[in-house]
Every structure is written in C-alpha cells, then in structure tokens.
Amino acid sequence: MGFSTVTFLFYFLPLMLLLYFAVPARFRVPLLLAGSYVFYFWGSPTGAAVLLLGTVIDYLLGGAIHRAEPGRSKKTILAISVTINVLILFYFKYSNFFIGEFSRALTFFGGSAIQWTAVIFPVGISFITFHKISYLVDIYYGRVAPAESFTAYALYLAMFPKLTQGPIVRYHTISEQLSAPKYSLDDIFEGSIRFCVGFSKKVLLADPMGAVANPILSMDMANLTVGYAWLGIVCYSFQLFFDFSGYTDMAIGIGRMLGFTIPENFNRPFYSQNFTEHWTRWHITLGNFFREYLYIPLGGNRTGTLKTYRNLWIVFLASGFWHGANWTYLAWGFYNGFFIFLDRIILIRLLKRVPVPLKIALFYILLIVGYVLFRSDTITGAFLYIHRMFDVTAIGGIQSSFLLAKLIGNREIFVLAVCLLICFFPQPVIDRVKLMVTERMGTAGITRLKVAGAITVFLLSLISMINNSFSPFIYFRF
C-alpha cells in the first residue's frame, strides 16, 4: 500500500487519523500498532510475519543485554542478537543473488545449477533491520534503556510512516513519544502541509522525470545518442531524489500529525561541492547509521591515515551492497568511496579556489555518472552507457528510431526546468527571499500562503495520479 495510491489516500490514512484522534489517549499506541501491521500486511504478508517474530526475539534479547553484567556474556548476547538480524536480512535479500551466482559458476564449469525456489523479498526489510540493530547496540552501550513495553518496541519498528523506506530513527530520539504521543493543532497543520509537499514531489516531479528516464535507460545501444544518454541519466537523478525525498516528506508529515518526530533525511544534496559534502546531505539517517555503527567501531579516523581510508572504503562498499543484491551496487559503493578518498587526499584542496558554481557542476556530473551504475542491471551495461555519454565521436552520428518528442514533451521539459531550479538555485538567494517574504507577509500571510499552496499542489497531484499509471516508490526495493 504505497503512499501515492487511492487506497492509502482515501481509505487507510483518513480512517487511521479519524480513529487516532477520536479514541482516548491510552488507546492510541495500540491502535497505531494495529494499523501499522494492517498497512504492512497489505503489501507484504511475509514481511509482517517476519517482523512480528523478529520483534518478539529482539525485545527479549534487548532485555537480556540490559540485565547482563558487563563482560563476555553481555557481548555474547549482543553478538547473537545482531547475528540473527543479519542472517534474516541475508536470507531474504541476498540468498537469491548468491545462489544464482554460485549456480552460474557451477554451470560454467559443467555442473548443474542448484534447484532453488526464489525467496520473496519483504518490503522494507533493510530499514527494519537497521532500526533493530541500532536499538540493540544502543542498549549494549548504555545509550538507551530497553523499551518500557513490548507494544512500545513493536510500534517503534512497525510505525507505518517510516516502516518501508525510513528515515532510520534511533530509539532514544522517539522513546518518550512511543509511550505517550502528543500532538497539537499546529502539528496537524504543519504535518498536513509537509505531506502535501511530499505527495507533489512524487507525483508532479519524480514520476514525469521517470517517464523520460525509464525508456532512455532501457533503450538499445544502437538507438542511444549521446544527448539521449545525458538526458536519461539527468532525469533519473531527479526521479530518484524527488521520489525518495517526497516519500520522506510524507513520512515526516504523517508522523508529525500523529505526534511523532521523524528526522530529516535530505538537505539539497545536489547543491554540493564534492562527494564528502553530498553524503552529509543525502539520505542523512543512513549515513549517520553507518558512521555510528560501522565507521566508528572500525576505528573511524582515530587509527591512522591508512586505516581511516580503509574504514571509509568498507563503509561505502557496505552502503552499496545494502542497497541491493547486485554487483552494480557494489560498484556504485566503490565509486563513491573512491571519490571520498580523492576528496580527502587532494580534490578539496586542489579545487579550493575554483568558483562554487563550477565545483557544484563538476560534482553533479561525476555523481550522475555513478548513478548509471546504480540504475543499471549489469556492470557491462553500465560501462556501455557511460561510454556512450562521453563518446564525442558519435555526437550527431547515430540515427535514432525514437523521436525526441516521444521521449520528452512540453510537460516534461517544464518539470525538468523546475527540478533544476529547486536543486541548483543559489542557497543565499533562497534565504534572502524567504526572509523578505516573511517580513512582508507576516505569520498570518505565510499561513494563508501555505494553505493555498498545499491545496493547489495536492489537487494537481491527485489529478495527475488518477490520469497516469501507478508508479511505486523506488526505494521500496531497498
């Protein structure tokens, strides 16, 4: 049940909010937990069963970690609990991939492929697993006490706004709200506005960009021109960003309406001067997770220069493989790790005096080259696509059977221009305009503007959603 579906918008969400606001405070947490399981079961019955079983195990092991005396027994319980979660993730997300690769190797050497029934991938299992690991590790280090009740912990994992695509919320940041969520009229208002903004990002920006990117990125190389190659990957970058950030806005908005604080996950990530800055702006909660639970435990930057670089490579390879069971994701992680490495040893210093707009442009070009790896099914296919992007000898020399008008119409050109403005308009100018508008319109004027804007984009998004085929959120598969 995606956020941008009729079932969610007109049935599940209104009913959930109506019941949530109507029942006495003591019933809100159980109601929200039940509703979250209905939401998850609707789209992934297997995932709901796995989540429930894992929640029971983690709740018991979390209590055991807390009660154990510091030493070997405490570490053993933590190791068991983390291993269980990693194995569950590995089985559902990676077993098909590794068995397929092993079978391919067997057949290459004349053997027989392994008989294997493909495992159904539970939606959102990667995000759920990271929530569970952060909870258990934080208990071990004494950063947080175990959940006051099984219901509170179950809701922490299953809360439907963040269940399938994050953001990744650490337990200590939301523990008090899980016991007694409180909301206000201001929370409901601002949450509703944020939800409408996210909905419009998905439907009005991400989906039209996907309508351009998808046919180009799946085009036969014989028909792919240099211009089409660049157009396709640029549109894909905007599709990916506005799809994921749109979901995040909707999740934050719903959470606020219900009385929960869900952390920000994006901060204009394309408006970055290098990869290091980009990864403080893109998927912020995932970056924080890898820093806290992998990079720092490996030694961070405290163990010497060479080990620091090693730790960075490990983090980005893990980040790449976390996104999916394919060699292309590992290659994408390696690509990002390589440029983080270059940033540290030379690039940031070398480009220090280069004008900021040029640094942003150079970074963005390098970033979307990496997105080819992220989007492609095979590394060979990615390299062929990248070669075409930079094949200057083929400019104007390849005849395509596709007309440009079939790939990108007036609506898509307009959306592309809007995406460029949103992502690359100078931040100082945006700040000055915000200040000027606030001073001239005042609080009441800003409120009226928010209401008018939210209603407008919601109605436009609704019309667009009804008139076009359903497009699921990209990060559902991660």
Protein backbone atom coordinates (compact mmCIF):
# COMPACT_ATOMS: atom_id res chain seq x y z
CA MET A 1 0.00 0.00 0.00
CA GLY A 2 2.04 2.93 -1.25
CA PHE A 3 1.50 6.47 -0.02
CA SER A 4 0.59 7.62 -3.53
CA THR A 5 -2.30 5.20 -4.04
CA VAL A 6 -6.05 5.78 -3.89
CA THR A 7 -6.40 3.09 -1.21
CA PHE A 8 -3.97 4.87 1.10
CA LEU A 9 -5.05 8.45 0.41
CA PHE A 10 -8.81 7.96 0.58
CA TYR A 11 -9.30 4.95 2.81
CA PHE A 12 -6.43 3.94 5.06
CA LEU A 13 -4.97 7.32 6.05
CA PRO A 14 -8.27 9.18 6.69
CA LEU A 15 -9.67 6.26 8.69
CA MET A 16 -6.42 5.90 10.65
CA LEU A 17 -6.31 9.61 11.52
CA LEU A 18 -10.02 9.74 12.38
CA LEU A 19 -9.77 6.82 14.79
CA TYR A 20 -6.45 8.03 16.22
CA PHE A 21 -7.84 11.47 17.09
CA ALA A 22 -11.14 10.06 18.36
CA VAL A 23 -10.01 7.37 20.79
CA PRO A 24 -8.79 8.09 24.34
CA ALA A 25 -5.05 8.72 24.66
CA ARG A 26 -4.34 5.32 26.24
CA PHE A 27 -5.63 3.53 23.11
CA ARG A 28 -3.62 5.50 20.55
CA VAL A 29 -0.45 3.40 20.69
CA PRO A 30 -2.24 0.02 20.36
CA LEU A 31 -4.42 1.46 17.58
CA LEU A 32 -1.42 2.80 15.67
CA LEU A 33 0.40 -0.51 16.10
CA ALA A 34 -2.58 -2.46 14.76
CA GLY A 35 -2.98 -0.05 11.86
CA SER A 36 0.72 -0.28 11.03
CA TYR A 37 0.53 -4.07 10.81
CA VAL A 38 -2.52 -3.83 8.57
CA PHE A 39 -0.56 -1.41 6.37
CA TYR A 40 2.43 -3.77 6.18
CA PHE A 41 0.39 -6.96 5.80
CA TRP A 42 -1.50 -5.38 2.89
CA GLY A 43 1.67 -5.17 0.81
CA SER A 44 3.86 -7.87 2.35
CA PRO A 45 2.22 -10.68 4.37
CA THR A 46 5.56 -12.49 4.62
CA GLY A 47 7.25 -9.35 5.84
CA ALA A 48 4.59 -8.79 8.51
CA ALA A 49 5.08 -12.33 9.86
CA VAL A 50 8.88 -11.97 9.87
CA LEU A 51 8.61 -8.57 11.55
CA LEU A 52 6.37 -9.88 14.33
CA LEU A 53 8.62 -12.85 15.05
CA GLY A 54 11.75 -10.70 14.96
CA THR A 55 10.15 -8.12 17.25
CA VAL A 56 9.48 -10.75 19.91
CA ILE A 57 13.05 -12.10 19.70
CA ASP A 58 14.65 -8.64 19.79
CA TYR A 59 12.50 -7.48 22.68
CA LEU A 60 13.58 -10.46 24.78
CA LEU A 61 17.24 -10.20 23.77
CA GLY A 62 17.28 -6.44 24.35
CA GLY A 63 16.12 -7.03 27.92
CA ALA A 64 18.73 -9.76 28.35
CA ILE A 65 21.51 -7.44 27.14
CA HIS A 66 20.39 -4.77 29.61
CA ARG A 67 20.31 -7.18 32.55
CA ALA A 68 23.60 -8.93 31.78
CA GLU A 69 26.74 -7.93 33.63
CA PRO A 70 29.41 -6.18 31.53
CA GLY A 71 31.80 -8.70 30.04
CA ARG A 72 31.75 -11.79 27.88
CA SER A 73 28.11 -12.74 28.49
CA LYS A 74 26.84 -9.28 27.54
CA LYS A 75 28.91 -9.30 24.34
CA THR A 76 27.73 -12.82 23.53
CA ILE A 77 24.06 -11.86 23.81
CA LEU A 78 24.65 -8.79 21.62
CA ALA A 79 26.52 -10.88 19.05
CA ILE A 80 23.70 -13.44 18.96
CA SER A 81 21.02 -10.76 18.55
CA VAL A 82 22.85 -8.88 15.78
CA THR A 83 23.74 -12.14 14.01
CA ILE A 84 20.10 -13.26 13.99
CA ASN A 85 19.04 -10.00 12.37
CA VAL A 86 21.84 -10.03 9.81
CA LEU A 87 21.07 -13.64 8.88
CA ILE A 88 17.37 -12.83 8.40
CA LEU A 89 18.33 -9.90 6.17
CA PHE A 90 20.84 -12.02 4.27
CA TYR A 91 18.35 -14.83 3.66
CA PHE A 92 15.53 -12.66 2.35
CA LYS A 93 17.59 -10.08 0.48
CA TYR A 94 20.76 -11.81 -0.70
CA SER A 95 20.21 -15.58 -0.84
CA ASN A 96 18.65 -15.45 -4.34
CA PHE A 97 21.63 -13.46 -5.59
CA PHE A 98 24.39 -15.60 -4.11
CA ILE A 99 22.77 -18.90 -5.02
CA GLY A 100 22.19 -17.59 -8.54
CA GLU A 101 25.85 -16.57 -8.84
CA PHE A 102 27.01 -19.91 -7.45
CA SER A 103 24.75 -21.79 -9.88
CA ARG A 104 26.14 -19.71 -12.74
CA ALA A 105 29.66 -20.69 -11.69
CA LEU A 106 28.68 -24.36 -11.49
CA THR A 107 27.17 -24.36 -14.98
CA PHE A 108 30.22 -22.54 -16.34
CA PHE A 109 32.40 -25.43 -15.18
CA GLY A 110 30.00 -28.05 -16.49
CA GLY A 111 27.96 -28.69 -13.36
CA SER A 112 24.23 -28.44 -12.71
CA ALA A 113 22.50 -25.39 -11.31
CA ILE A 114 21.19 -25.57 -7.75
CA GLN A 115 17.45 -26.24 -7.51
CA TRP A 116 16.17 -23.25 -5.61
CA THR A 117 12.80 -21.60 -5.06
CA ALA A 118 13.25 -17.84 -5.09
CA VAL A 119 12.70 -16.16 -1.74
CA ILE A 120 10.07 -13.42 -1.59
CA PHE A 121 11.65 -10.14 -0.57
CA PRO A 122 9.76 -8.44 2.32
CA VAL A 123 9.33 -4.74 1.59
CA GLY A 124 11.47 -2.51 3.81
CA ILE A 125 13.44 -5.29 5.50
CA SER A 126 16.72 -3.36 5.17
CA PHE A 127 15.33 -0.34 7.02
CA ILE A 128 13.68 -2.53 9.65
CA THR A 129 16.92 -4.44 10.26
CA PHE A 130 18.91 -1.24 10.79
CA HIS A 131 16.33 0.01 13.30
CA LYS A 132 16.64 -3.26 15.20
CA ILE A 133 20.44 -3.26 15.22
CA SER A 134 20.66 0.33 16.40
CA TYR A 135 18.26 -0.46 19.28
CA LEU A 136 20.23 -3.50 20.44
CA VAL A 137 23.65 -1.87 20.14
CA ASP A 138 22.47 1.27 21.97
CA ILE A 139 21.22 -0.88 24.85
CA TYR A 140 24.59 -2.62 24.98
CA TYR A 141 26.47 0.68 25.27
CA GLY A 142 24.01 2.10 27.78
CA ARG A 143 22.79 4.86 25.47
CA VAL A 144 19.19 3.84 25.98
CA ALA A 145 17.14 1.66 28.31
CA PRO A 146 15.02 -1.16 26.86
CA ALA A 147 11.50 -0.28 25.75
CA GLU A 148 9.02 0.12 28.59
CA SER A 149 6.69 -2.39 26.97
CA PHE A 150 6.53 -4.81 24.09
CA THR A 151 3.88 -2.59 22.48
CA ALA A 152 6.21 0.43 22.53
CA TYR A 153 9.06 -1.51 20.91
CA ALA A 154 6.74 -3.11 18.36
CA LEU A 155 5.44 0.34 17.39
CA TYR A 156 8.99 1.68 17.12
CA LEU A 157 9.71 -0.93 14.44
CA ALA A 158 6.34 -1.07 12.71
CA MET A 159 5.15 2.55 12.69
CA PHE A 160 3.75 2.80 9.17
CA PRO A 161 5.03 6.26 8.13
CA LYS A 162 8.68 5.14 8.33
CA LEU A 163 8.24 1.37 8.03
CA THR A 164 9.17 0.64 4.43
CA GLN A 165 11.57 3.45 3.43
CA GLY A 166 12.73 5.09 6.63
CA PRO A 167 14.06 7.52 7.65
CA ILE A 168 16.08 5.47 10.11
CA VAL A 169 15.05 6.65 13.58
CA ARG A 170 17.16 5.81 16.62
CA TYR A 171 15.10 4.58 19.55
CA HIS A 172 16.27 7.15 22.09
CA THR A 173 15.04 10.04 19.89
CA ILE A 174 11.47 8.76 19.92
CA SER A 175 11.14 6.61 23.06
CA GLU A 176 9.09 9.12 25.08
CA GLN A 177 6.69 9.68 22.20
CA LEU A 178 6.16 5.93 21.86
CA SER A 179 4.81 5.76 25.40
CA ALA A 180 2.56 8.82 25.23
CA PRO A 181 2.40 10.53 21.84
CA LYS A 182 1.22 14.13 21.99
CA TYR A 183 0.07 16.26 19.10
CA SER A 184 -1.29 19.77 18.70
CA LEU A 185 -3.31 21.62 16.09
CA ASP A 186 -0.05 23.16 14.90
CA ASP A 187 1.42 19.66 14.47
CA ILE A 188 -1.60 18.56 12.45
CA PHE A 189 -1.44 21.69 10.28
CA GLU A 190 2.31 21.60 9.60
CA GLY A 191 2.24 17.83 9.14
CA SER A 192 -0.53 18.13 6.57
CA ILE A 193 1.42 20.78 4.65
CA ARG A 194 4.55 18.63 4.67
CA PHE A 195 2.57 15.62 3.45
CA CYS A 196 1.15 17.60 0.52
CA VAL A 197 4.63 18.81 -0.42
CA GLY A 198 5.96 15.25 -0.42
CA PHE A 199 2.99 13.97 -2.41
CA SER A 200 3.57 16.63 -5.06
CA LYS A 201 7.29 15.84 -5.25
CA LYS A 202 6.49 12.23 -6.02
CA VAL A 203 3.63 12.72 -8.47
CA LEU A 204 4.39 16.06 -10.13
CA LEU A 205 8.20 15.86 -10.28
CA ALA A 206 9.56 12.33 -9.80
CA ASP A 207 7.05 10.46 -11.96
CA PRO A 208 7.34 12.75 -15.05
CA MET A 209 11.13 12.52 -14.80
CA GLY A 210 10.84 8.76 -14.59
CA ALA A 211 8.65 8.77 -17.70
CA VAL A 212 11.61 10.29 -19.56
CA ALA A 213 14.40 8.36 -17.86
CA ASN A 214 12.97 4.83 -17.99
CA PRO A 215 12.62 4.45 -21.79
CA ILE A 216 16.02 6.05 -22.39
CA LEU A 217 17.84 3.94 -19.82
CA SER A 218 16.32 0.78 -21.29
CA MET A 219 17.00 1.84 -24.90
CA ASP A 220 19.07 -0.35 -27.17
CA MET A 221 22.60 0.99 -27.60
CA ALA A 222 22.12 1.15 -31.35
CA ASN A 223 19.47 3.83 -30.85
CA LEU A 224 21.04 5.67 -27.92
CA THR A 225 22.54 9.03 -28.85
CA VAL A 226 24.97 10.99 -26.69
CA GLY A 227 22.30 13.59 -25.99
CA TYR A 228 19.71 10.98 -25.05
CA ALA A 229 22.21 9.31 -22.72
CA TRP A 230 22.77 12.54 -20.80
CA LEU A 231 19.08 13.40 -20.79
CA GLY A 232 18.19 9.97 -19.44
CA ILE A 233 20.59 9.96 -16.51
CA VAL A 234 19.89 13.59 -15.57
CA CYS A 235 16.16 12.85 -15.47
CA TYR A 236 16.86 9.69 -13.47
CA SER A 237 18.81 11.68 -10.88
CA PHE A 238 15.79 13.94 -10.37
CA GLN A 239 13.42 10.99 -10.36
CA LEU A 240 15.46 9.27 -7.65
CA PHE A 241 15.82 12.38 -5.49
CA PHE A 242 12.25 13.66 -5.66
CA ASP A 243 10.83 10.14 -5.31
CA PHE A 244 12.78 9.38 -2.14
CA SER A 245 12.66 12.87 -0.61
CA GLY A 246 8.95 13.01 -1.46
CA TYR A 247 8.35 9.81 0.49
CA THR A 248 10.42 11.21 3.36
CA ASP A 249 8.36 14.41 3.44
CA MET A 250 5.16 12.37 3.51
CA ALA A 251 6.53 10.19 6.32
CA ILE A 252 7.63 13.22 8.36
CA GLY A 253 4.28 14.88 7.77
CA ILE A 254 2.22 11.86 8.85
CA GLY A 255 4.49 11.34 11.85
CA ARG A 256 4.02 14.93 12.96
CA MET A 257 0.23 14.69 12.60
CA LEU A 258 0.34 11.65 14.90
CA GLY A 259 2.65 13.33 17.42
CA PHE A 260 5.98 11.77 16.42
CA THR A 261 9.21 13.47 15.40
CA ILE A 262 10.82 11.75 12.40
CA PRO A 263 14.26 13.15 11.46
CA GLU A 264 15.10 14.96 8.25
CA ASN A 265 16.76 12.87 5.56
CA PHE A 266 17.73 15.36 2.82
CA ASN A 267 19.22 18.84 2.59
CA ARG A 268 19.52 19.85 -1.08
CA PRO A 269 22.03 17.05 -1.79
CA PHE A 270 22.77 18.08 -5.40
CA TYR A 271 23.78 21.54 -4.20
CA SER A 272 27.10 20.12 -3.02
CA GLN A 273 30.67 20.95 -3.99
CA ASN A 274 32.08 17.45 -3.54
CA PHE A 275 31.15 13.90 -2.57
CA THR A 276 32.05 14.47 1.07
CA GLU A 277 29.52 17.28 1.38
CA HIS A 278 26.95 15.36 -0.64
CA TRP A 279 26.95 12.48 1.83
CA THR A 280 26.12 14.85 4.67
CA ARG A 281 23.06 15.97 2.69
CA TRP A 282 21.78 12.75 1.04
CA HIS A 283 19.98 10.00 2.99
CA ILE A 284 21.25 11.59 6.19
CA THR A 285 19.91 8.95 8.57
CA LEU A 286 21.57 6.12 6.64
CA GLY A 287 24.87 7.99 6.69
CA ASN A 288 24.51 8.53 10.43
CA PHE A 289 23.81 4.83 10.92
CA PHE A 290 26.94 3.72 9.07
CA ARG A 291 29.04 6.29 10.91
CA GLU A 292 27.77 5.28 14.37
CA TYR A 293 27.56 1.52 13.92
CA LEU A 294 30.29 0.71 11.39
CA TYR A 295 32.78 3.53 10.77
CA ILE A 296 33.39 4.46 14.42
CA PRO A 297 33.51 0.83 15.68
CA LEU A 298 36.11 0.13 12.97
CA GLY A 299 38.20 2.93 14.44
CA GLY A 300 36.92 5.90 12.46
CA ASN A 301 39.70 8.40 11.85
CA ARG A 302 41.46 7.64 15.14
CA THR A 303 43.62 4.77 13.89
CA GLY A 304 45.91 6.49 11.41
CA THR A 305 45.53 7.69 7.84
CA LEU A 306 45.67 4.34 6.06
CA LYS A 307 43.14 2.70 8.37
CA THR A 308 40.88 5.74 8.09
CA TYR A 309 40.82 5.28 4.31
CA ARG A 310 40.24 1.55 4.77
CA ASN A 311 37.29 2.28 7.06
CA LEU A 312 35.79 4.69 4.53
CA TRP A 313 36.07 2.10 1.74
CA ILE A 314 34.39 -0.52 3.95
CA VAL A 315 31.53 1.84 4.79
CA PHE A 316 30.80 2.73 1.18
CA LEU A 317 31.07 -0.84 -0.05
CA ALA A 318 28.64 -1.84 2.71
CA SER A 319 26.37 1.06 1.77
CA GLY A 320 26.39 -0.03 -1.85
CA PHE A 321 25.60 -3.65 -1.05
CA TRP A 322 22.90 -2.57 1.44
CA HIS A 323 21.01 -1.04 -1.47
CA GLY A 324 20.65 -4.32 -3.31
CA ALA A 325 21.95 -7.75 -4.21
CA ASN A 326 23.77 -6.91 -7.41
CA TRP A 327 27.37 -6.29 -8.39
CA THR A 328 26.33 -2.89 -9.75
CA TYR A 329 25.51 -1.68 -6.24
CA LEU A 330 28.91 -2.77 -5.00
CA ALA A 331 30.49 -0.95 -7.94
CA TRP A 332 28.45 2.15 -7.10
CA GLY A 333 29.62 1.97 -3.49
CA PHE A 334 33.23 1.58 -4.66
CA TYR A 335 32.78 4.57 -6.99
CA ASN A 336 31.55 6.82 -4.17
CA GLY A 337 34.24 5.57 -1.81
CA PHE A 338 36.87 6.37 -4.43
CA PHE A 339 35.79 10.00 -4.70
CA ILE A 340 35.50 10.37 -0.92
CA PHE A 341 39.11 9.12 -0.83
CA LEU A 342 40.12 11.63 -3.52
CA ASP A 343 38.37 14.43 -1.63
CA ARG A 344 40.47 13.73 1.43
CA ILE A 345 43.83 13.42 -0.26
CA ILE A 346 43.67 16.08 -2.98
CA LEU A 347 40.38 17.21 -4.58
CA ILE A 348 39.07 19.58 -1.91
CA ARG A 349 42.44 21.36 -1.67
CA LEU A 350 43.00 21.31 -5.43
CA LEU A 351 39.61 22.89 -6.19
CA LYS A 352 39.65 25.32 -3.28
CA ARG A 353 39.86 28.44 -5.49
CA VAL A 354 37.51 27.20 -8.20
CA PRO A 355 34.22 29.17 -8.24
CA VAL A 356 31.46 27.44 -6.30
CA PRO A 357 29.06 27.06 -9.28
CA LEU A 358 31.76 25.26 -11.26
CA LYS A 359 32.51 22.93 -8.35
CA ILE A 360 28.83 22.11 -8.00
CA ALA A 361 28.55 21.43 -11.73
CA LEU A 362 31.66 19.20 -11.76
CA PHE A 363 30.44 17.28 -8.73
CA TYR A 364 26.99 16.74 -10.24
CA ILE A 365 28.45 15.35 -13.46
CA LEU A 366 30.59 12.90 -11.51
CA LEU A 367 27.62 11.98 -9.33
CA ILE A 368 25.29 11.09 -12.18
CA VAL A 369 28.00 9.02 -13.86
CA GLY A 370 27.87 6.93 -10.68
CA TYR A 371 24.07 6.81 -10.95
CA VAL A 372 24.48 4.85 -14.18
CA LEU A 373 25.98 2.05 -12.07
CA PHE A 374 23.20 2.42 -9.52
CA ARG A 375 20.47 2.17 -12.16
CA SER A 376 21.95 -0.50 -14.46
CA ASP A 377 21.26 -4.22 -14.20
CA THR A 378 24.81 -5.21 -15.17
CA ILE A 379 28.23 -3.63 -14.90
CA THR A 380 28.79 -4.25 -18.61
CA GLY A 381 25.60 -2.38 -19.45
CA ALA A 382 26.63 0.49 -17.18
CA PHE A 383 30.04 0.81 -18.83
CA LEU A 384 28.47 0.81 -22.30
CA TYR A 385 26.07 3.55 -21.26
CA ILE A 386 28.86 5.65 -19.70
CA HIS A 387 30.96 5.15 -22.83
CA ARG A 388 28.09 6.49 -24.93
CA MET A 389 27.76 9.54 -22.64
CA PHE A 390 31.35 10.52 -23.39
CA ASP A 391 31.62 9.18 -26.95
CA VAL A 392 32.35 12.50 -28.66
CA THR A 393 32.95 10.72 -31.96
CA ALA A 394 29.30 9.65 -32.00
CA ILE A 395 27.75 13.08 -31.44
CA GLY A 396 25.17 13.54 -34.18
CA GLY A 397 26.36 10.38 -35.89
CA ILE A 398 23.85 7.88 -34.53
CA GLN A 399 20.41 7.75 -36.07
CA SER A 400 17.70 7.01 -33.52
CA SER A 401 14.33 5.48 -34.35
CA PHE A 402 12.86 7.37 -31.44
CA LEU A 403 11.68 10.92 -31.90
CA LEU A 404 12.67 13.36 -29.18
CA ALA A 405 9.05 14.45 -28.89
CA LYS A 406 8.11 10.90 -27.85
CA LEU A 407 10.69 10.91 -25.08
CA ILE A 408 10.12 14.34 -23.61
CA GLY A 409 7.09 16.57 -24.16
CA ASN A 410 6.32 20.11 -23.07
CA ARG A 411 5.17 18.99 -19.64
CA GLU A 412 8.38 17.05 -19.01
CA ILE A 413 10.52 19.97 -20.22
CA PHE A 414 8.74 22.26 -17.77
CA VAL A 415 9.18 19.74 -14.92
CA LEU A 416 12.86 19.35 -15.78
CA ALA A 417 13.30 23.14 -15.55
CA VAL A 418 11.52 23.16 -12.15
CA CYS A 419 13.76 20.36 -10.88
CA LEU A 420 16.87 22.24 -11.97
CA LEU A 421 15.70 25.39 -10.16
CA ILE A 422 14.82 23.53 -6.96
CA CYS A 423 18.10 21.64 -6.87
CA PHE A 424 20.57 24.28 -8.04
CA PHE A 425 19.13 27.73 -7.30
CA PRO A 426 21.71 29.54 -5.12
CA GLN A 427 21.05 28.99 -1.41
CA PRO A 428 21.93 32.58 -0.35
CA VAL A 429 19.28 33.93 -2.73
CA ILE A 430 16.71 31.46 -1.37
CA ASP A 431 17.49 32.56 2.20
CA ARG A 432 17.10 36.24 1.30
CA VAL A 433 13.80 35.64 -0.48
CA LYS A 434 12.44 33.65 2.49
CA LEU A 435 13.39 36.45 4.87
CA MET A 436 11.83 39.11 2.64
CA VAL A 437 8.59 37.18 2.20
CA THR A 438 8.34 36.51 5.95
CA GLU A 439 8.88 40.17 6.80
CA ARG A 440 6.33 41.42 4.27
CA MET A 441 3.58 38.83 4.75
CA GLY A 442 3.83 38.13 8.47
CA THR A 443 2.76 34.95 10.22
CA ALA A 444 -0.87 35.11 9.08
CA GLY A 445 0.11 35.73 5.48
CA ILE A 446 2.59 32.86 5.49
CA THR A 447 -0.10 30.55 6.88
CA ARG A 448 -2.54 31.53 4.13
CA LEU A 449 0.18 31.03 1.53
CA LYS A 450 0.96 27.56 2.89
CA VAL A 451 -2.70 26.55 2.81
CA ALA A 452 -3.24 27.81 -0.72
CA GLY A 453 -0.04 26.21 -1.97
CA ALA A 454 -0.73 22.86 -0.28
CA ILE A 455 -4.29 22.65 -1.62
CA THR A 456 -3.13 23.56 -5.12
CA VAL A 457 -0.30 21.03 -5.34
CA PHE A 458 -2.43 18.33 -3.69
CA LEU A 459 -5.23 18.73 -6.23
CA LEU A 460 -2.78 18.85 -9.14
CA SER A 461 -1.05 15.74 -7.79
CA LEU A 462 -4.36 13.96 -7.37
CA ILE A 463 -5.41 14.72 -10.93
CA SER A 464 -2.03 13.58 -12.24
CA MET A 465 -2.10 10.39 -10.17
CA ILE A 466 -5.58 9.44 -11.40
CA ASN A 467 -4.72 10.14 -15.04
CA ASN A 468 -1.46 8.19 -15.06
CA SER A 469 -0.47 4.62 -14.27
CA PHE A 470 0.70 3.73 -10.77
CA SER A 471 4.41 4.24 -10.15
CA PRO A 472 5.76 2.68 -6.91
CA PHE A 473 8.40 4.42 -4.83
CA ILE A 474 11.91 3.47 -5.99
CA TYR A 475 13.27 2.75 -2.51
CA PHE A 476 10.61 0.11 -1.81
CA ARG A 477 13.01 -2.44 -3.28
CA PHE A 478 15.80 -1.48 -0.87
